[in-house]
Amino acid sequence: MNKDDNSLVPAIEIIQEVVHKIQSGEMTLPVLPDIVLEIEKLLNNPDSTTEEMVKVLERDVVISVLLIKLANSPVYRGSGKITKVAQAIPRLGMKEIRNIVSAIANKALYKTANKEFKDLMEKQWNHSLACAYCSLSIAKTLSLNDPEKYFLMGLVHDVGKIILFRAVSEMTQRQDSVDMSELMSNIEIVHTNMGGILLQSWGFNRETVRSVVLHHKSGLSSSEKKGVFIVNLADRMVNNLGYSLFEREQINLLELESVKHLGIKAEELDVVSEVVKRIMDDVSHIL
């Protein structure tokens, strides 16, 4: 940063102002895009058809193009080339479509016009996407029912951080720069609760909200649902893999309470790590 230290705005003052504006309603929280809600509605309706799904997806050109690209990527590729959304649906599966659309819709939250925050947002996006695929892979490894739901938990686990980044990036465009080191320290303290507030406003279930609020917590109670343990573990796993905002010291995953509660083995963690690296290599440039 080329500014003199005296021109830096104390990060704690900006964070306090952002939190106050959100709590008072002066700053509105983002809402879930209509397409995410429509797809969720179709998935919850046993009488819905593939044709109805195609109509919803094709209304959004960006999502349609990205779905086709992903369907042809090494992760999902089948015997023939996919050229239409209607062909992509059976290859990807309805629940995977939901996850991908949620990822595309969520990435819009990571946009900023503030150059000081662009690299930060991109790194945060890769961390969140890796955490989503890691959560999904852990759930599949443990043979849990409906493993796809854990993808979304991993995807949104740091949404509180993104809301704070966006708000601060907009505010600091209109005034002096902020001390980024101090900013990160303060955001680390408040972002989990902020994420819980946002997910409650979006109508997410208690397990998802808890997975967001507790994803940094140590000493988790065994009474928590599986999603809490999975996201808590996935967050640390992807940090170990290098999908992080900054370099972190490697931690011993086997010492985590979440690992003990899940009963996942060291060799299974190694397999999950390899799966996540392979998927991120294949899809991160698309998403």
Protein backbone atom coordinates (compact mmCIF):
# COMPACT_ATOMS: atom_id res chain seq x y z
CA MET A 1 0.00 0.00 0.00
CA ASN A 2 1.51 3.35 -1.02
CA LYS A 3 -0.34 5.52 1.44
CA ASP A 4 1.14 6.94 4.58
CA ASP A 5 0.09 5.07 7.72
CA ASN A 6 -1.55 8.25 9.05
CA SER A 7 -4.08 8.10 6.18
CA LEU A 8 -5.21 4.58 7.07
CA VAL A 9 -8.69 4.27 8.50
CA PRO A 10 -8.79 2.00 11.60
CA ALA A 11 -10.31 -1.29 10.43
CA ILE A 12 -12.28 -1.78 13.64
CA GLU A 13 -14.13 1.50 13.03
CA ILE A 14 -15.18 0.42 9.54
CA ILE A 15 -16.26 -3.06 10.67
CA GLN A 16 -18.30 -1.57 13.53
CA GLU A 17 -19.94 0.85 11.09
CA VAL A 18 -20.79 -1.95 8.64
CA VAL A 19 -22.25 -4.17 11.37
CA HIS A 20 -24.29 -1.23 12.73
CA LYS A 21 -25.67 -0.40 9.27
CA ILE A 22 -26.69 -4.02 8.66
CA GLN A 23 -28.31 -4.39 12.10
CA SER A 24 -30.19 -1.10 11.72
CA GLY A 25 -31.38 -1.94 8.21
CA GLU A 26 -29.47 1.00 6.72
CA MET A 27 -27.44 -1.49 4.66
CA THR A 28 -29.52 -4.22 3.03
CA LEU A 29 -28.32 -7.81 2.85
CA PRO A 30 -28.21 -9.47 -0.58
CA VAL A 31 -31.05 -11.80 -1.55
CA LEU A 32 -30.89 -15.20 -3.21
CA PRO A 33 -31.30 -14.94 -7.00
CA ASP A 34 -34.71 -16.05 -8.30
CA ILE A 35 -33.19 -18.87 -10.37
CA VAL A 36 -31.81 -20.56 -7.22
CA LEU A 37 -35.24 -20.42 -5.57
CA GLU A 38 -36.98 -21.71 -8.70
CA ILE A 39 -34.65 -24.69 -9.01
CA GLU A 40 -35.06 -25.52 -5.34
CA LYS A 41 -38.83 -25.42 -5.84
CA LEU A 42 -38.61 -27.80 -8.81
CA LEU A 43 -36.40 -30.23 -6.89
CA ASN A 44 -38.85 -30.26 -4.00
CA ASN A 45 -41.77 -30.99 -6.34
CA PRO A 46 -41.99 -34.73 -7.17
CA ASP A 47 -44.11 -33.92 -10.23
CA SER A 48 -41.61 -31.52 -11.82
CA THR A 49 -40.11 -32.48 -15.18
CA THR A 50 -36.78 -32.11 -16.96
CA GLU A 51 -38.49 -29.85 -19.47
CA GLU A 52 -39.47 -27.44 -16.69
CA MET A 53 -35.88 -27.40 -15.44
CA VAL A 54 -34.59 -26.69 -18.95
CA LYS A 55 -36.95 -23.71 -19.31
CA VAL A 56 -35.77 -22.20 -16.03
CA LEU A 57 -32.08 -22.69 -16.84
CA GLU A 58 -32.25 -21.45 -20.43
CA ARG A 59 -33.63 -18.10 -19.27
CA ASP A 60 -30.12 -17.35 -17.98
CA VAL A 61 -27.61 -17.41 -20.83
CA VAL A 62 -24.52 -17.29 -18.58
CA ILE A 63 -25.68 -20.23 -16.48
CA SER A 64 -26.64 -22.22 -19.58
CA VAL A 65 -23.21 -21.75 -21.17
CA LEU A 66 -21.35 -22.64 -17.97
CA LEU A 67 -23.47 -25.76 -17.40
CA ILE A 68 -22.61 -27.00 -20.90
CA LYS A 69 -18.91 -26.26 -20.33
CA LEU A 70 -18.95 -28.16 -17.05
CA ALA A 71 -20.82 -31.10 -18.57
CA ASN A 72 -17.96 -31.39 -21.08
CA SER A 73 -15.21 -30.98 -18.46
CA PRO A 74 -13.10 -33.99 -17.36
CA VAL A 75 -14.99 -34.21 -14.05
CA TYR A 76 -18.34 -34.95 -15.72
CA ARG A 77 -17.47 -35.87 -19.30
CA GLY A 78 -19.31 -38.83 -20.83
CA SER A 79 -19.09 -40.51 -24.21
CA GLY A 80 -20.51 -37.69 -26.33
CA LYS A 81 -20.15 -33.89 -26.53
CA ILE A 82 -22.88 -31.88 -24.81
CA THR A 83 -24.24 -28.94 -26.82
CA LYS A 84 -27.57 -28.22 -25.11
CA VAL A 85 -28.83 -27.66 -21.56
CA ALA A 86 -31.31 -30.51 -22.01
CA GLN A 87 -28.37 -32.87 -22.64
CA ALA A 88 -26.41 -31.53 -19.67
CA ILE A 89 -29.14 -32.27 -17.11
CA PRO A 90 -29.04 -36.10 -17.25
CA ARG A 91 -25.24 -36.09 -17.29
CA LEU A 92 -24.88 -33.76 -14.31
CA GLY A 93 -27.98 -34.82 -12.40
CA MET A 94 -30.66 -32.56 -10.94
CA LYS A 95 -28.97 -32.12 -7.54
CA GLU A 96 -25.62 -31.38 -9.10
CA ILE A 97 -27.35 -28.80 -11.31
CA ARG A 98 -28.62 -27.13 -8.11
CA ASN A 99 -25.09 -27.04 -6.71
CA ILE A 100 -23.58 -25.60 -9.88
CA VAL A 101 -26.28 -22.94 -10.25
CA SER A 102 -25.82 -22.01 -6.59
CA ALA A 103 -22.07 -21.68 -7.18
CA ILE A 104 -22.57 -19.48 -10.26
CA ALA A 105 -25.12 -17.33 -8.45
CA ASN A 106 -22.92 -17.03 -5.35
CA LYS A 107 -19.91 -15.92 -7.37
CA ALA A 108 -21.75 -12.68 -8.14
CA LEU A 109 -21.24 -11.78 -4.47
CA TYR A 110 -17.48 -11.86 -5.03
CA LYS A 111 -17.41 -9.00 -7.55
CA THR A 112 -15.87 -5.66 -6.58
CA ALA A 113 -14.79 -2.54 -8.43
CA ASN A 114 -12.19 -1.82 -5.74
CA LYS A 115 -8.81 -2.99 -7.09
CA GLU A 116 -7.47 -3.33 -3.55
CA PHE A 117 -9.97 -6.14 -2.91
CA LYS A 118 -10.09 -7.98 -6.27
CA ASP A 119 -7.28 -10.43 -5.57
CA LEU A 120 -8.65 -11.01 -2.07
CA MET A 121 -12.11 -11.83 -3.44
CA GLU A 122 -10.68 -14.21 -6.05
CA LYS A 123 -8.70 -16.12 -3.42
CA GLN A 124 -11.76 -16.23 -1.19
CA TRP A 125 -13.84 -17.62 -4.06
CA ASN A 126 -11.36 -20.42 -4.69
CA HIS A 127 -11.34 -21.23 -0.98
CA SER A 128 -15.16 -21.38 -0.86
CA LEU A 129 -15.44 -23.46 -4.05
CA ALA A 130 -12.77 -25.89 -2.82
CA CYS A 131 -14.56 -26.14 0.53
CA ALA A 132 -17.81 -26.95 -1.28
CA TYR A 133 -16.26 -29.81 -3.27
CA CYS A 134 -14.37 -31.00 -0.19
CA SER A 135 -17.60 -31.09 1.86
CA LEU A 136 -19.30 -33.07 -0.91
CA SER A 137 -16.39 -35.51 -1.16
CA ILE A 138 -16.30 -36.06 2.62
CA ALA A 139 -20.04 -36.79 2.65
CA LYS A 140 -19.67 -39.27 -0.23
CA THR A 141 -16.72 -40.94 1.51
CA LEU A 142 -18.86 -41.41 4.61
CA SER A 143 -21.79 -42.69 2.48
CA LEU A 144 -24.16 -40.09 3.92
CA ASN A 145 -27.66 -39.66 2.55
CA ASP A 146 -28.08 -36.77 0.08
CA PRO A 147 -24.35 -35.88 0.00
CA GLU A 148 -25.01 -33.04 -2.46
CA LYS A 149 -26.54 -30.88 0.27
CA TYR A 150 -23.13 -30.57 1.92
CA PHE A 151 -21.76 -28.88 -1.21
CA LEU A 152 -23.91 -25.83 -0.55
CA MET A 153 -22.92 -25.76 3.13
CA GLY A 154 -19.27 -25.63 2.13
CA LEU A 155 -19.94 -23.05 -0.58
CA VAL A 156 -21.60 -20.53 1.76
CA HIS A 157 -19.54 -21.15 4.91
CA ASP A 158 -17.62 -17.85 4.52
CA VAL A 159 -20.47 -15.75 3.12
CA GLY A 160 -20.25 -13.46 6.16
CA LYS A 161 -16.67 -12.66 5.19
CA ILE A 162 -17.75 -11.76 1.66
CA ILE A 163 -20.53 -9.45 2.86
CA LEU A 164 -18.02 -7.63 5.05
CA PHE A 165 -15.40 -7.49 2.25
CA ARG A 166 -17.96 -6.00 -0.14
CA ALA A 167 -19.19 -3.42 2.33
CA VAL A 168 -15.67 -2.37 3.33
CA SER A 169 -14.49 -2.26 -0.31
CA GLU A 170 -17.36 0.11 -1.19
CA MET A 171 -16.72 2.33 1.83
CA THR A 172 -12.95 2.54 1.33
CA GLN A 173 -13.41 3.54 -2.32
CA ARG A 174 -14.91 6.77 -1.01
CA GLN A 175 -12.23 7.48 1.60
CA ASP A 176 -8.65 6.63 2.63
CA SER A 177 -7.38 3.06 2.55
CA VAL A 178 -7.77 0.62 5.40
CA ASP A 179 -5.04 -1.38 7.12
CA MET A 180 -5.60 -4.76 5.44
CA SER A 181 -3.85 -6.78 8.14
CA GLU A 182 -6.00 -5.22 10.85
CA LEU A 183 -9.08 -5.60 8.65
CA MET A 184 -8.53 -9.34 8.22
CA SER A 185 -8.05 -9.82 11.96
CA ASN A 186 -11.33 -8.07 12.72
CA ILE A 187 -13.27 -9.81 9.97
CA GLU A 188 -12.06 -13.19 11.25
CA ILE A 189 -13.70 -12.37 14.59
CA VAL A 190 -17.15 -11.34 13.33
CA HIS A 191 -17.68 -13.06 9.96
CA THR A 192 -19.12 -16.35 11.25
CA ASN A 193 -21.98 -14.68 13.11
CA MET A 194 -22.56 -12.33 10.18
CA GLY A 195 -22.83 -15.35 7.88
CA GLY A 196 -25.34 -16.96 10.22
CA ILE A 197 -27.49 -13.80 10.13
CA LEU A 198 -27.46 -13.76 6.33
CA LEU A 199 -28.36 -17.44 5.98
CA GLN A 200 -31.22 -17.05 8.43
CA SER A 201 -32.53 -14.16 6.31
CA TRP A 202 -32.30 -16.48 3.28
CA GLY A 203 -34.34 -19.15 5.06
CA PHE A 204 -31.65 -21.82 5.34
CA ASN A 205 -32.18 -24.67 7.81
CA ARG A 206 -30.58 -24.81 11.25
CA GLU A 207 -27.89 -27.32 10.26
CA THR A 208 -26.60 -25.06 7.48
CA VAL A 209 -26.66 -21.98 9.70
CA ARG A 210 -24.80 -23.85 12.45
CA SER A 211 -22.21 -25.12 9.96
CA VAL A 212 -21.46 -21.50 9.04
CA VAL A 213 -21.41 -20.14 12.59
CA LEU A 214 -19.19 -22.96 13.92
CA HIS A 215 -16.80 -23.62 11.04
CA HIS A 216 -13.81 -22.18 12.96
CA LYS A 217 -14.78 -23.54 16.36
CA SER A 218 -12.71 -26.06 18.28
CA GLY A 219 -14.18 -28.47 20.81
CA LEU A 220 -17.43 -29.13 18.93
CA SER A 221 -20.17 -30.97 20.81
CA SER A 222 -21.00 -34.48 19.61
CA SER A 223 -24.67 -33.40 19.52
CA GLU A 224 -24.11 -31.23 16.43
CA LYS A 225 -25.34 -32.50 13.06
CA LYS A 226 -22.98 -33.97 10.50
CA GLY A 227 -22.93 -30.81 8.37
CA VAL A 228 -21.27 -28.86 11.18
CA PHE A 229 -18.42 -31.37 11.44
CA ILE A 230 -18.02 -31.70 7.67
CA VAL A 231 -17.68 -27.96 6.98
CA ASN A 232 -15.44 -27.50 10.02
CA LEU A 233 -13.12 -30.18 8.62
CA ALA A 234 -13.38 -29.11 4.96
CA ASP A 235 -12.42 -25.53 5.79
CA ARG A 236 -9.17 -26.71 7.37
CA MET A 237 -8.48 -29.32 4.70
CA VAL A 238 -8.59 -26.82 1.84
CA ASN A 239 -6.42 -24.40 3.79
CA ASN A 240 -3.86 -27.21 4.06
CA LEU A 241 -4.15 -27.67 0.29
CA GLY A 242 -3.32 -23.99 -0.31
CA TYR A 243 -6.80 -22.68 -1.10
CA SER A 244 -6.52 -19.86 1.41
CA LEU A 245 -6.33 -16.07 1.58
CA PHE A 246 -2.78 -16.27 2.88
CA GLU A 247 -0.15 -18.86 3.70
CA ARG A 248 -1.08 -20.90 6.75
CA GLU A 249 0.81 -23.37 8.84
CA GLN A 250 -0.20 -26.96 8.05
CA ILE A 251 -2.34 -28.49 10.78
CA ASN A 252 -2.72 -32.12 11.78
CA LEU A 253 -6.26 -32.91 10.67
CA LEU A 254 -6.42 -36.06 12.77
CA GLU A 255 -6.32 -33.94 15.92
CA LEU A 256 -9.54 -32.09 14.99
CA GLU A 257 -12.69 -32.80 16.99
CA SER A 258 -14.65 -32.80 13.72
CA VAL A 259 -12.52 -35.69 12.40
CA LYS A 260 -13.08 -37.68 15.58
CA HIS A 261 -16.85 -37.08 15.53
CA LEU A 262 -17.08 -38.11 11.86
CA GLY A 263 -14.89 -41.18 12.32
CA ILE A 264 -13.05 -40.52 9.06
CA LYS A 265 -9.68 -42.22 8.62
CA ALA A 266 -6.31 -40.78 7.60
CA GLU A 267 -6.26 -42.66 4.29
CA GLU A 268 -9.78 -41.43 3.52
CA LEU A 269 -8.67 -37.84 4.16
CA ASP A 270 -5.79 -38.36 1.70
CA VAL A 271 -8.21 -39.58 -0.97
CA VAL A 272 -10.56 -36.64 -0.39
CA SER A 273 -7.63 -34.22 -0.71
CA GLU A 274 -6.64 -35.73 -4.07
CA VAL A 275 -10.24 -35.58 -5.31
CA VAL A 276 -10.54 -31.91 -4.37
CA LYS A 277 -7.26 -30.99 -6.10
CA ARG A 278 -8.32 -32.82 -9.27
CA ILE A 279 -11.76 -31.21 -9.35
CA MET A 280 -10.40 -27.72 -8.70
CA ASP A 281 -7.86 -28.17 -11.50
CA ASP A 282 -10.72 -29.09 -13.86
CA VAL A 283 -13.49 -26.65 -12.89
CA SER A 284 -12.03 -23.58 -11.15
CA HIS A 285 -11.25 -21.88 -14.49
CA ILE A 286 -14.89 -22.43 -15.56
CA LEU A 287 -16.54 -21.33 -12.31
